[in-house]
Amino acid sequence: MTKQQLLPEFVKKRLPSLDAILDRRTTELTAQVKFFYPDFGWTWYGVAWDGDDLFWGLVDGFEKELGYFRLSELMTNRGKLGCPIERDFYFKPAPVSEYMN
């Protein structure tokens, strides 16, 4: 998938800036986009981004943790069977707390 397919305009528009999230005055963080490898058990939920490449959100891998990740790094890597990263087309924004359990 290309960057445009992974991050179309309608998704970009709903992602807040990193500064807005770092302020942390909101009571609930909302995952706006979900990325995954279809052949690998890791998932990345984007909560905010820098307008270019850097995301902040939930990484669900060996452990679940909040932190930074780069879309460019996800695009250059492959899953266990060589599948590229995908965006969940059916994902609807949801509170991060729903994925923390």
PDB file of N, CA and C in Angstrom:
ATOM      1  N   MET A   1       0.826  -1.187   0.000  1.00  0.00           N
ATOM      2  CA  MET A   1       0.000   0.000   0.000  1.00  0.00           C
ATOM      3  C   MET A   1       0.870   1.249   0.000  1.00  0.00           C
ATOM      4  N   THR A   2       0.392   2.240  -0.668  1.00  0.00           N
ATOM      5  CA  THR A   2       1.108   3.509  -0.687  1.00  0.00           C
ATOM      6  C   THR A   2       0.749   4.319   0.561  1.00  0.00           C
ATOM      7  N   LYS A   3       1.513   5.357   0.803  1.00  0.00           N
ATOM      8  CA  LYS A   3       1.232   6.220   1.956  1.00  0.00           C
ATOM      9  C   LYS A   3      -0.154   6.849   1.812  1.00  0.00           C
ATOM     10  N   GLN A   4      -0.528   7.224   0.597  1.00  0.00           N
ATOM     11  CA  GLN A   4      -1.842   7.817   0.360  1.00  0.00           C
ATOM     12  C   GLN A   4      -2.962   6.831   0.679  1.00  0.00           C
ATOM     13  N   GLN A   5      -2.754   5.556   0.391  1.00  0.00           N
ATOM     14  CA  GLN A   5      -3.762   4.548   0.708  1.00  0.00           C
ATOM     15  C   GLN A   5      -3.827   4.290   2.215  1.00  0.00           C
ATOM     16  N   LEU A   6      -2.668   4.305   2.848  1.00  0.00           N
ATOM     17  CA  LEU A   6      -2.628   4.078   4.296  1.00  0.00           C
ATOM     18  C   LEU A   6      -3.155   5.275   5.081  1.00  0.00           C
ATOM     19  N   LEU A   7      -2.973   6.454   4.520  1.00  0.00           N
ATOM     20  CA  LEU A   7      -3.337   7.678   5.233  1.00  0.00           C
ATOM     21  C   LEU A   7      -4.080   8.640   4.290  1.00  0.00           C
ATOM     22  N   PRO A   8      -5.310   8.278   3.909  1.00  0.00           N
ATOM     23  CA  PRO A   8      -6.081   9.153   3.011  1.00  0.00           C
ATOM     24  C   PRO A   8      -6.473  10.460   3.699  1.00  0.00           C
ATOM     25  N   GLU A   9      -6.910  11.411   2.928  1.00  0.00           N
ATOM     26  CA  GLU A   9      -7.230  12.749   3.436  1.00  0.00           C
ATOM     27  C   GLU A   9      -8.247  12.721   4.576  1.00  0.00           C
ATOM     28  N   PHE A  10      -9.274  11.891   4.480  1.00  0.00           N
ATOM     29  CA  PHE A  10     -10.291  11.894   5.528  1.00  0.00           C
ATOM     30  C   PHE A  10      -9.726  11.417   6.866  1.00  0.00           C
ATOM     31  N   VAL A  11      -8.708  10.552   6.844  1.00  0.00           N
ATOM     32  CA  VAL A  11      -8.066  10.112   8.081  1.00  0.00           C
ATOM     33  C   VAL A  11      -7.150  11.217   8.589  1.00  0.00           C
ATOM     34  N   LYS A  12      -6.399  11.840   7.701  1.00  0.00           N
ATOM     35  CA  LYS A  12      -5.513  12.942   8.101  1.00  0.00           C
ATOM     36  C   LYS A  12      -6.294  14.049   8.818  1.00  0.00           C
ATOM     37  N   LYS A  13      -7.474  14.345   8.308  1.00  0.00           N
ATOM     38  CA  LYS A  13      -8.268  15.448   8.863  1.00  0.00           C
ATOM     39  C   LYS A  13      -8.754  15.162  10.279  1.00  0.00           C
ATOM     40  N   ARG A  14      -8.952  13.915  10.620  1.00  0.00           N
ATOM     41  CA  ARG A  14      -9.462  13.619  11.962  1.00  0.00           C
ATOM     42  C   ARG A  14      -8.358  13.368  12.991  1.00  0.00           C
ATOM     43  N   LEU A  15      -7.095  13.302  12.548  1.00  0.00           N
ATOM     44  CA  LEU A  15      -5.974  13.090  13.469  1.00  0.00           C
ATOM     45  C   LEU A  15      -5.524  14.416  14.071  1.00  0.00           C
ATOM     46  N   PRO A  16      -5.561  14.559  15.400  1.00  0.00           N
ATOM     47  CA  PRO A  16      -5.055  15.784  16.016  1.00  0.00           C
ATOM     48  C   PRO A  16      -3.527  15.847  15.952  1.00  0.00           C
ATOM     49  N   SER A  17      -3.007  17.021  16.205  1.00  0.00           N
ATOM     50  CA  SER A  17      -1.551  17.197  16.215  1.00  0.00           C
ATOM     51  C   SER A  17      -0.951  16.555  17.463  1.00  0.00           C
ATOM     52  N   LEU A  18       0.343  16.301  17.411  1.00  0.00           N
ATOM     53  CA  LEU A  18       1.032  15.765  18.585  1.00  0.00           C
ATOM     54  C   LEU A  18       0.944  16.729  19.756  1.00  0.00           C
ATOM     55  N   ASP A  19       1.037  18.024  19.486  1.00  0.00           N
ATOM     56  CA  ASP A  19       0.951  19.024  20.558  1.00  0.00           C
ATOM     57  C   ASP A  19      -0.389  18.957  21.284  1.00  0.00           C
ATOM     58  N   ALA A  20      -1.451  18.727  20.561  1.00  0.00           N
ATOM     59  CA  ALA A  20      -2.779  18.659  21.184  1.00  0.00           C
ATOM     60  C   ALA A  20      -2.874  17.479  22.144  1.00  0.00           C
ATOM     61  N   ILE A  21      -2.244  16.386  21.818  1.00  0.00           N
ATOM     62  CA  ILE A  21      -2.286  15.195  22.667  1.00  0.00           C
ATOM     63  C   ILE A  21      -1.349  15.351  23.862  1.00  0.00           C
ATOM     64  N   LEU A  22      -0.191  15.946  23.638  1.00  0.00           N
ATOM     65  CA  LEU A  22       0.777  16.096  24.728  1.00  0.00           C
ATOM     66  C   LEU A  22       0.252  17.005  25.822  1.00  0.00           C
ATOM     67  N   ASP A  23      -0.688  17.872  25.473  1.00  0.00           N
ATOM     68  CA  ASP A  23      -1.312  18.739  26.465  1.00  0.00           C
ATOM     69  C   ASP A  23      -2.080  17.889  27.484  1.00  0.00           C
ATOM     70  N   ARG A  24      -2.659  16.791  27.039  1.00  0.00           N
ATOM     71  CA  ARG A  24      -3.344  15.798  27.880  1.00  0.00           C
ATOM     72  C   ARG A  24      -4.430  16.381  28.774  1.00  0.00           C
ATOM     73  N   ARG A  25      -5.095  17.390  28.314  1.00  0.00           N
ATOM     74  CA  ARG A  25      -6.214  17.916  29.098  1.00  0.00           C
ATOM     75  C   ARG A  25      -7.501  17.172  28.780  1.00  0.00           C
ATOM     76  N   THR A  26      -7.454  16.338  27.751  1.00  0.00           N
ATOM     77  CA  THR A  26      -8.640  15.555  27.422  1.00  0.00           C
ATOM     78  C   THR A  26      -8.732  14.374  28.371  1.00  0.00           C
ATOM     79  N   THR A  27      -9.919  13.963  28.665  1.00  0.00           N
ATOM     80  CA  THR A  27     -10.105  12.851  29.587  1.00  0.00           C
ATOM     81  C   THR A  27      -9.951  11.502  28.891  1.00  0.00           C
ATOM     82  N   GLU A  28     -10.161  11.476  27.594  1.00  0.00           N
ATOM     83  CA  GLU A  28     -10.095  10.207  26.878  1.00  0.00           C
ATOM     84  C   GLU A  28      -9.355  10.383  25.556  1.00  0.00           C
ATOM     85  N   LEU A  29      -8.374   9.533  25.321  1.00  0.00           N
ATOM     86  CA  LEU A  29      -7.655   9.531  24.050  1.00  0.00           C
ATOM     87  C   LEU A  29      -8.421   8.655  23.065  1.00  0.00           C
ATOM     88  N   THR A  30      -8.478   9.078  21.817  1.00  0.00           N
ATOM     89  CA  THR A  30      -9.233   8.340  20.815  1.00  0.00           C
ATOM     90  C   THR A  30      -8.314   7.846  19.708  1.00  0.00           C
ATOM     91  N   ALA A  31      -8.356   6.547  19.468  1.00  0.00           N
ATOM     92  CA  ALA A  31      -7.625   5.964  18.340  1.00  0.00           C
ATOM     93  C   ALA A  31      -8.374   6.354  17.066  1.00  0.00           C
ATOM     94  N   GLN A  32      -7.657   6.946  16.117  1.00  0.00           N
ATOM     95  CA  GLN A  32      -8.276   7.436  14.891  1.00  0.00           C
ATOM     96  C   GLN A  32      -8.033   6.528  13.688  1.00  0.00           C
ATOM     97  N   VAL A  33      -6.967   5.732  13.743  1.00  0.00           N
ATOM     98  CA  VAL A  33      -6.608   4.874  12.613  1.00  0.00           C
ATOM     99  C   VAL A  33      -5.915   3.627  13.157  1.00  0.00           C
ATOM    100  N   LYS A  34      -6.087   2.525  12.453  1.00  0.00           N
ATOM    101  CA  LYS A  34      -5.497   1.247  12.874  1.00  0.00           C
ATOM    102  C   LYS A  34      -4.669   0.671  11.723  1.00  0.00           C
ATOM    103  N   PHE A  35      -3.400   0.349  12.025  1.00  0.00           N
ATOM    104  CA  PHE A  35      -2.500  -0.292  11.068  1.00  0.00           C
ATOM    105  C   PHE A  35      -2.149  -1.684  11.586  1.00  0.00           C
ATOM    106  N   PHE A  36      -1.941  -2.616  10.674  1.00  0.00           N
ATOM    107  CA  PHE A  36      -1.591  -3.985  11.082  1.00  0.00           C
ATOM    108  C   PHE A  36      -0.918  -4.710   9.925  1.00  0.00           C
ATOM    109  N   TYR A  37      -0.173  -5.758  10.265  1.00  0.00           N
ATOM    110  CA  TYR A  37       0.335  -6.693   9.270  1.00  0.00           C
ATOM    111  C   TYR A  37      -0.613  -7.886   9.289  1.00  0.00           C
ATOM    112  N   PRO A  38      -1.148  -8.306   8.150  1.00  0.00           N
ATOM    113  CA  PRO A  38      -2.096  -9.425   8.146  1.00  0.00           C
ATOM    114  C   PRO A  38      -1.476 -10.760   8.554  1.00  0.00           C
ATOM    115  N   ASP A  39      -0.159 -10.848   8.528  1.00  0.00           N
ATOM    116  CA  ASP A  39       0.509 -12.107   8.865  1.00  0.00           C
ATOM    117  C   ASP A  39       1.395 -11.996  10.101  1.00  0.00           C
ATOM    118  N   PHE A  40       1.058 -11.035  10.956  1.00  0.00           N
ATOM    119  CA  PHE A  40       1.878 -10.778  12.133  1.00  0.00           C
ATOM    120  C   PHE A  40       0.956 -10.247  13.219  1.00  0.00           C
ATOM    121  N   GLY A  41       1.177 -10.557  14.461  1.00  0.00           N
ATOM    122  CA  GLY A  41       0.255 -10.239  15.534  1.00  0.00           C
ATOM    123  C   GLY A  41       0.358  -8.847  16.136  1.00  0.00           C
ATOM    124  N   TRP A  42       1.005  -7.907  15.478  1.00  0.00           N
ATOM    125  CA  TRP A  42       1.140  -6.568  16.034  1.00  0.00           C
ATOM    126  C   TRP A  42       0.137  -5.618  15.374  1.00  0.00           C
ATOM    127  N   THR A  43      -0.326  -4.625  16.171  1.00  0.00           N
ATOM    128  CA  THR A  43      -1.259  -3.620  15.678  1.00  0.00           C
ATOM    129  C   THR A  43      -0.842  -2.259  16.228  1.00  0.00           C
ATOM    130  N   TRP A  44      -0.993  -1.237  15.418  1.00  0.00           N
ATOM    131  CA  TRP A  44      -0.668   0.132  15.807  1.00  0.00           C
ATOM    132  C   TRP A  44      -1.921   0.981  15.654  1.00  0.00           C
ATOM    133  N   TYR A  45      -2.294   1.684  16.720  1.00  0.00           N
ATOM    134  CA  TYR A  45      -3.451   2.574  16.713  1.00  0.00           C
ATOM    135  C   TYR A  45      -2.947   4.009  16.779  1.00  0.00           C
ATOM    136  N   GLY A  46      -3.189   4.772  15.736  1.00  0.00           N
ATOM    137  CA  GLY A  46      -2.753   6.162  15.708  1.00  0.00           C
ATOM    138  C   GLY A  46      -3.743   7.070  16.411  1.00  0.00           C
ATOM    139  N   VAL A  47      -3.249   7.820  17.393  1.00  0.00           N
ATOM    140  CA  VAL A  47      -4.071   8.777  18.134  1.00  0.00           C
ATOM    141  C   VAL A  47      -3.813  10.188  17.627  1.00  0.00           C
ATOM    142  N   ALA A  48      -2.551  10.509  17.335  1.00  0.00           N
ATOM    143  CA  ALA A  48      -2.163  11.835  16.851  1.00  0.00           C
ATOM    144  C   ALA A  48      -0.958  11.676  15.927  1.00  0.00           C
ATOM    145  N   TRP A  49      -0.688  12.708  15.114  1.00  0.00           N
ATOM    146  CA  TRP A  49       0.488  12.644  14.250  1.00  0.00           C
ATOM    147  C   TRP A  49       1.046  14.032  13.995  1.00  0.00           C
ATOM    148  N   ASP A  50       2.269  14.063  13.474  1.00  0.00           N
ATOM    149  CA  ASP A  50       2.971  15.334  13.269  1.00  0.00           C
ATOM    150  C   ASP A  50       2.664  15.981  11.920  1.00  0.00           C
ATOM    151  N   GLY A  51       1.767  15.413  11.146  1.00  0.00           N
ATOM    152  CA  GLY A  51       1.432  15.951   9.828  1.00  0.00           C
ATOM    153  C   GLY A  51       2.317  15.414   8.725  1.00  0.00           C
ATOM    154  N   ASP A  52       3.281  14.562   9.073  1.00  0.00           N
ATOM    155  CA  ASP A  52       4.203  14.021   8.075  1.00  0.00           C
ATOM    156  C   ASP A  52       4.357  12.508   8.206  1.00  0.00           C
ATOM    157  N   ASP A  53       4.961  12.042   9.326  1.00  0.00           N
ATOM    158  CA  ASP A  53       5.319  10.632   9.435  1.00  0.00           C
ATOM    159  C   ASP A  53       5.213  10.067  10.853  1.00  0.00           C
ATOM    160  N   LEU A  54       5.392  10.903  11.847  1.00  0.00           N
ATOM    161  CA  LEU A  54       5.468  10.457  13.235  1.00  0.00           C
ATOM    162  C   LEU A  54       4.089  10.405  13.887  1.00  0.00           C
ATOM    163  N   PHE A  55       3.765   9.236  14.434  1.00  0.00           N
ATOM    164  CA  PHE A  55       2.499   9.035  15.136  1.00  0.00           C
ATOM    165  C   PHE A  55       2.761   8.847  16.620  1.00  0.00           C
ATOM    166  N   TRP A  56       1.746   9.132  17.419  1.00  0.00           N
ATOM    167  CA  TRP A  56       1.717   8.766  18.820  1.00  0.00           C
ATOM    168  C   TRP A  56       0.441   7.974  19.006  1.00  0.00           C
ATOM    169  N   GLY A  57       0.548   6.840  19.690  1.00  0.00           N
ATOM    170  CA  GLY A  57      -0.639   6.028  19.901  1.00  0.00           C
ATOM    171  C   GLY A  57      -0.314   4.766  20.657  1.00  0.00           C
ATOM    172  N   LEU A  58      -1.178   3.797  20.492  1.00  0.00           N
ATOM    173  CA  LEU A  58      -1.054   2.516  21.171  1.00  0.00           C
ATOM    174  C   LEU A  58      -0.412   1.495  20.248  1.00  0.00           C
ATOM    175  N   VAL A  59       0.613   0.837  20.746  1.00  0.00           N
ATOM    176  CA  VAL A  59       1.256  -0.269  20.031  1.00  0.00           C
ATOM    177  C   VAL A  59       0.894  -1.546  20.772  1.00  0.00           C
ATOM    178  N   ASP A  60       0.246  -2.456  20.069  1.00  0.00           N
ATOM    179  CA  ASP A  60      -0.178  -3.725  20.651  1.00  0.00           C
ATOM    180  C   ASP A  60       0.690  -4.818  20.035  1.00  0.00           C
ATOM    181  N   GLY A  61       1.760  -5.182  20.765  1.00  0.00           N
ATOM    182  CA  GLY A  61       2.699  -6.199  20.288  1.00  0.00           C
ATOM    183  C   GLY A  61       2.948  -7.214  21.375  1.00  0.00           C
ATOM    184  N   PHE A  62       4.208  -7.345  21.786  1.00  0.00           N
ATOM    185  CA  PHE A  62       4.513  -8.227  22.907  1.00  0.00           C
ATOM    186  C   PHE A  62       3.787  -7.747  24.160  1.00  0.00           C
ATOM    187  N   GLU A  63       3.692  -6.431  24.280  1.00  0.00           N
ATOM    188  CA  GLU A  63       2.953  -5.769  25.350  1.00  0.00           C
ATOM    189  C   GLU A  63       2.174  -4.633  24.722  1.00  0.00           C
ATOM    190  N   LYS A  64       1.231  -4.098  25.450  1.00  0.00           N
ATOM    191  CA  LYS A  64       0.510  -2.918  24.990  1.00  0.00           C
ATOM    192  C   LYS A  64       1.143  -1.712  25.645  1.00  0.00           C
ATOM    193  N   GLU A  65       1.528  -0.739  24.810  1.00  0.00           N
ATOM    194  CA  GLU A  65       2.149   0.460  25.363  1.00  0.00           C
ATOM    195  C   GLU A  65       1.842   1.665  24.494  1.00  0.00           C
ATOM    196  N   LEU A  66       1.786   2.815  25.136  1.00  0.00           N
ATOM    197  CA  LEU A  66       1.601   4.075  24.430  1.00  0.00           C
ATOM    198  C   LEU A  66       2.964   4.627  24.073  1.00  0.00           C
ATOM    199  N   GLY A  67       3.088   5.148  22.848  1.00  0.00           N
ATOM    200  CA  GLY A  67       4.363   5.708  22.434  1.00  0.00           C
ATOM    201  C   GLY A  67       4.336   6.152  20.989  1.00  0.00           C
ATOM    202  N   TYR A  68       5.517   6.446  20.486  1.00  0.00           N
ATOM    203  CA  TYR A  68       5.684   6.947  19.123  1.00  0.00           C
ATOM    204  C   TYR A  68       5.997   5.810  18.159  1.00  0.00           C
ATOM    205  N   PHE A  69       5.545   5.978  16.913  1.00  0.00           N
ATOM    206  CA  PHE A  69       5.942   5.085  15.823  1.00  0.00           C
ATOM    207  C   PHE A  69       5.882   5.867  14.517  1.00  0.00           C
ATOM    208  N   ARG A  70       6.670   5.402  13.554  1.00  0.00           N
ATOM    209  CA  ARG A  70       6.739   6.064  12.247  1.00  0.00           C
ATOM    210  C   ARG A  70       6.082   5.193  11.178  1.00  0.00           C
ATOM    211  N   LEU A  71       5.226   5.820  10.404  1.00  0.00           N
ATOM    212  CA  LEU A  71       4.574   5.102   9.313  1.00  0.00           C
ATOM    213  C   LEU A  71       5.602   4.637   8.292  1.00  0.00           C
ATOM    214  N   SER A  72       6.623   5.432   8.051  1.00  0.00           N
ATOM    215  CA  SER A  72       7.652   5.051   7.074  1.00  0.00           C
ATOM    216  C   SER A  72       8.354   3.760   7.489  1.00  0.00           C
ATOM    217  N   GLU A  73       8.580   3.567   8.781  1.00  0.00           N
ATOM    218  CA  GLU A  73       9.209   2.329   9.251  1.00  0.00           C
ATOM    219  C   GLU A  73       8.274   1.139   9.069  1.00  0.00           C
ATOM    220  N   LEU A  74       7.000   1.340   9.351  1.00  0.00           N
ATOM    221  CA  LEU A  74       6.039   0.257   9.154  1.00  0.00           C
ATOM    222  C   LEU A  74       5.951  -0.135   7.676  1.00  0.00           C
ATOM    223  N   MET A  75       6.060   0.851   6.798  1.00  0.00           N
ATOM    224  CA  MET A  75       5.961   0.589   5.364  1.00  0.00           C
ATOM    225  C   MET A  75       7.189  -0.136   4.811  1.00  0.00           C
ATOM    226  N   THR A  76       8.337   0.024   5.439  1.00  0.00           N
ATOM    227  CA  THR A  76       9.551  -0.617   4.921  1.00  0.00           C
ATOM    228  C   THR A  76       9.708  -2.043   5.428  1.00  0.00           C
ATOM    229  N   ASN A  77       9.026  -2.378   6.510  1.00  0.00           N
ATOM    230  CA  ASN A  77       9.113  -3.729   7.065  1.00  0.00           C
ATOM    231  C   ASN A  77       8.006  -4.607   6.509  1.00  0.00           C
ATOM    232  N   ARG A  78       8.127  -5.899   6.740  1.00  0.00           N
ATOM    233  CA  ARG A  78       7.128  -6.867   6.304  1.00  0.00           C
ATOM    234  C   ARG A  78       6.794  -7.795   7.457  1.00  0.00           C
ATOM    235  N   GLY A  79       5.628  -8.414   7.386  1.00  0.00           N
ATOM    236  CA  GLY A  79       5.232  -9.396   8.381  1.00  0.00           C
ATOM    237  C   GLY A  79       6.001 -10.689   8.190  1.00  0.00           C
ATOM    238  N   LYS A  80       5.646 -11.698   8.940  1.00  0.00           N
ATOM    239  CA  LYS A  80       6.376 -12.976   8.927  1.00  0.00           C
ATOM    240  C   LYS A  80       6.344 -13.674   7.573  1.00  0.00           C
ATOM    241  N   LEU A  81       5.281 -13.502   6.816  1.00  0.00           N
ATOM    242  CA  LEU A  81       5.170 -14.130   5.495  1.00  0.00           C
ATOM    243  C   LEU A  81       5.450 -13.145   4.363  1.00  0.00           C
ATOM    244  N   GLY A  82       5.930 -11.964   4.730  1.00  0.00           N
ATOM    245  CA  GLY A  82       6.290 -10.964   3.725  1.00  0.00           C
ATOM    246  C   GLY A  82       5.176 -10.006   3.349  1.00  0.00           C
ATOM    247  N   CYS A  83       4.074 -10.023   4.073  1.00  0.00           N
ATOM    248  CA  CYS A  83       2.961  -9.125   3.761  1.00  0.00           C
ATOM    249  C   CYS A  83       3.250  -7.704   4.238  1.00  0.00           C
ATOM    250  N   PRO A  84       2.870  -6.712   3.449  1.00  0.00           N
ATOM    251  CA  PRO A  84       3.083  -5.320   3.855  1.00  0.00           C
ATOM    252  C   PRO A  84       2.021  -4.859   4.846  1.00  0.00           C
ATOM    253  N   ILE A  85       2.286  -3.712   5.448  1.00  0.00           N
ATOM    254  CA  ILE A  85       1.367  -3.095   6.399  1.00  0.00           C
ATOM    255  C   ILE A  85       0.058  -2.741   5.689  1.00  0.00           C
ATOM    256  N   GLU A  86      -1.034  -2.784   6.432  1.00  0.00           N
ATOM    257  CA  GLU A  86      -2.334  -2.405   5.897  1.00  0.00           C
ATOM    258  C   GLU A  86      -3.035  -1.496   6.885  1.00  0.00           C
ATOM    259  N   ARG A  87      -4.004  -0.753   6.384  1.00  0.00           N
ATOM    260  CA  ARG A  87      -4.883   0.035   7.239  1.00  0.00           C
ATOM    261  C   ARG A  87      -6.205  -0.704   7.315  1.00  0.00           C
ATOM    262  N   ASP A  88      -6.778  -0.784   8.500  1.00  0.00           N
ATOM    263  CA  ASP A  88      -8.083  -1.414   8.665  1.00  0.00           C
ATOM    264  C   ASP A  88      -9.134  -0.468   8.091  1.00  0.00           C
ATOM    265  N   PHE A  89      -9.682  -0.821   6.935  1.00  0.00           N
ATOM    266  CA  PHE A  89     -10.654   0.038   6.255  1.00  0.00           C
ATOM    267  C   PHE A  89     -11.967   0.153   7.023  1.00  0.00           C
ATOM    268  N   TYR A  90     -12.247  -0.794   7.893  1.00  0.00           N
ATOM    269  CA  TYR A  90     -13.513  -0.817   8.616  1.00  0.00           C
ATOM    270  C   TYR A  90     -13.396  -0.280  10.044  1.00  0.00           C
ATOM    271  N   PHE A  91     -12.206   0.164  10.419  1.00  0.00           N
ATOM    272  CA  PHE A  91     -11.974   0.678  11.762  1.00  0.00           C
ATOM    273  C   PHE A  91     -12.723   1.985  11.968  1.00  0.00           C
ATOM    274  N   LYS A  92     -13.391   2.095  13.102  1.00  0.00           N
ATOM    275  CA  LYS A  92     -14.072   3.330  13.481  1.00  0.00           C
ATOM    276  C   LYS A  92     -13.360   3.894  14.709  1.00  0.00           C
ATOM    277  N   PRO A  93     -13.136   5.204  14.766  1.00  0.00           N
ATOM    278  CA  PRO A  93     -12.468   5.790  15.926  1.00  0.00           C
ATOM    279  C   PRO A  93     -13.124   5.329  17.224  1.00  0.00           C
ATOM    280  N   ALA A  94     -12.257   5.009  18.199  1.00  0.00           N
ATOM    281  CA  ALA A  94     -12.739   4.490  19.476  1.00  0.00           C
ATOM    282  C   ALA A  94     -11.770   4.886  20.584  1.00  0.00           C
ATOM    283  N   PRO A  95     -12.245   4.952  21.820  1.00  0.00           N
ATOM    284  CA  PRO A  95     -11.353   5.268  22.945  1.00  0.00           C
ATOM    285  C   PRO A  95     -10.227   4.240  23.065  1.00  0.00           C
ATOM    286  N   VAL A  96      -9.027   4.720  23.312  1.00  0.00           N
ATOM    287  CA  VAL A  96      -7.865   3.837  23.466  1.00  0.00           C
ATOM    288  C   VAL A  96      -8.081   2.858  24.606  1.00  0.00           C
ATOM    289  N   SER A  97      -8.806   3.272  25.610  1.00  0.00           N
ATOM    290  CA  SER A  97      -9.050   2.404  26.773  1.00  0.00           C
ATOM    291  C   SER A  97      -9.716   1.088  26.367  1.00  0.00           C
ATOM    292  N   GLU A  98     -10.458   1.077  25.271  1.00  0.00           N
ATOM    293  CA  GLU A  98     -11.091  -0.163  24.805  1.00  0.00           C
ATOM    294  C   GLU A  98     -10.069  -1.206  24.375  1.00  0.00           C
ATOM    295  N   TYR A  99      -8.881  -0.773  23.989  1.00  0.00           N
ATOM    296  CA  TYR A  99      -7.850  -1.691  23.494  1.00  0.00           C
ATOM    297  C   TYR A  99      -6.776  -1.984  24.536  1.00  0.00           C
ATOM    298  N   MET A 100      -6.857  -1.336  25.682  1.00  0.00           N
ATOM    299  CA  MET A 100      -5.846  -1.518  26.721  1.00  0.00           C
ATOM    300  C   MET A 100      -6.068  -2.774  27.558  1.00  0.00           C
ATOM    301  N   ASN A 101      -7.264  -3.313  27.570  1.00  0.00           N
ATOM    302  CA  ASN A 101      -7.573  -4.498  28.383  1.00  0.00           C
ATOM    303  C   ASN A 101      -7.074  -5.771  27.736  1.00  0.00           C
TER     304      ASN A 101
END
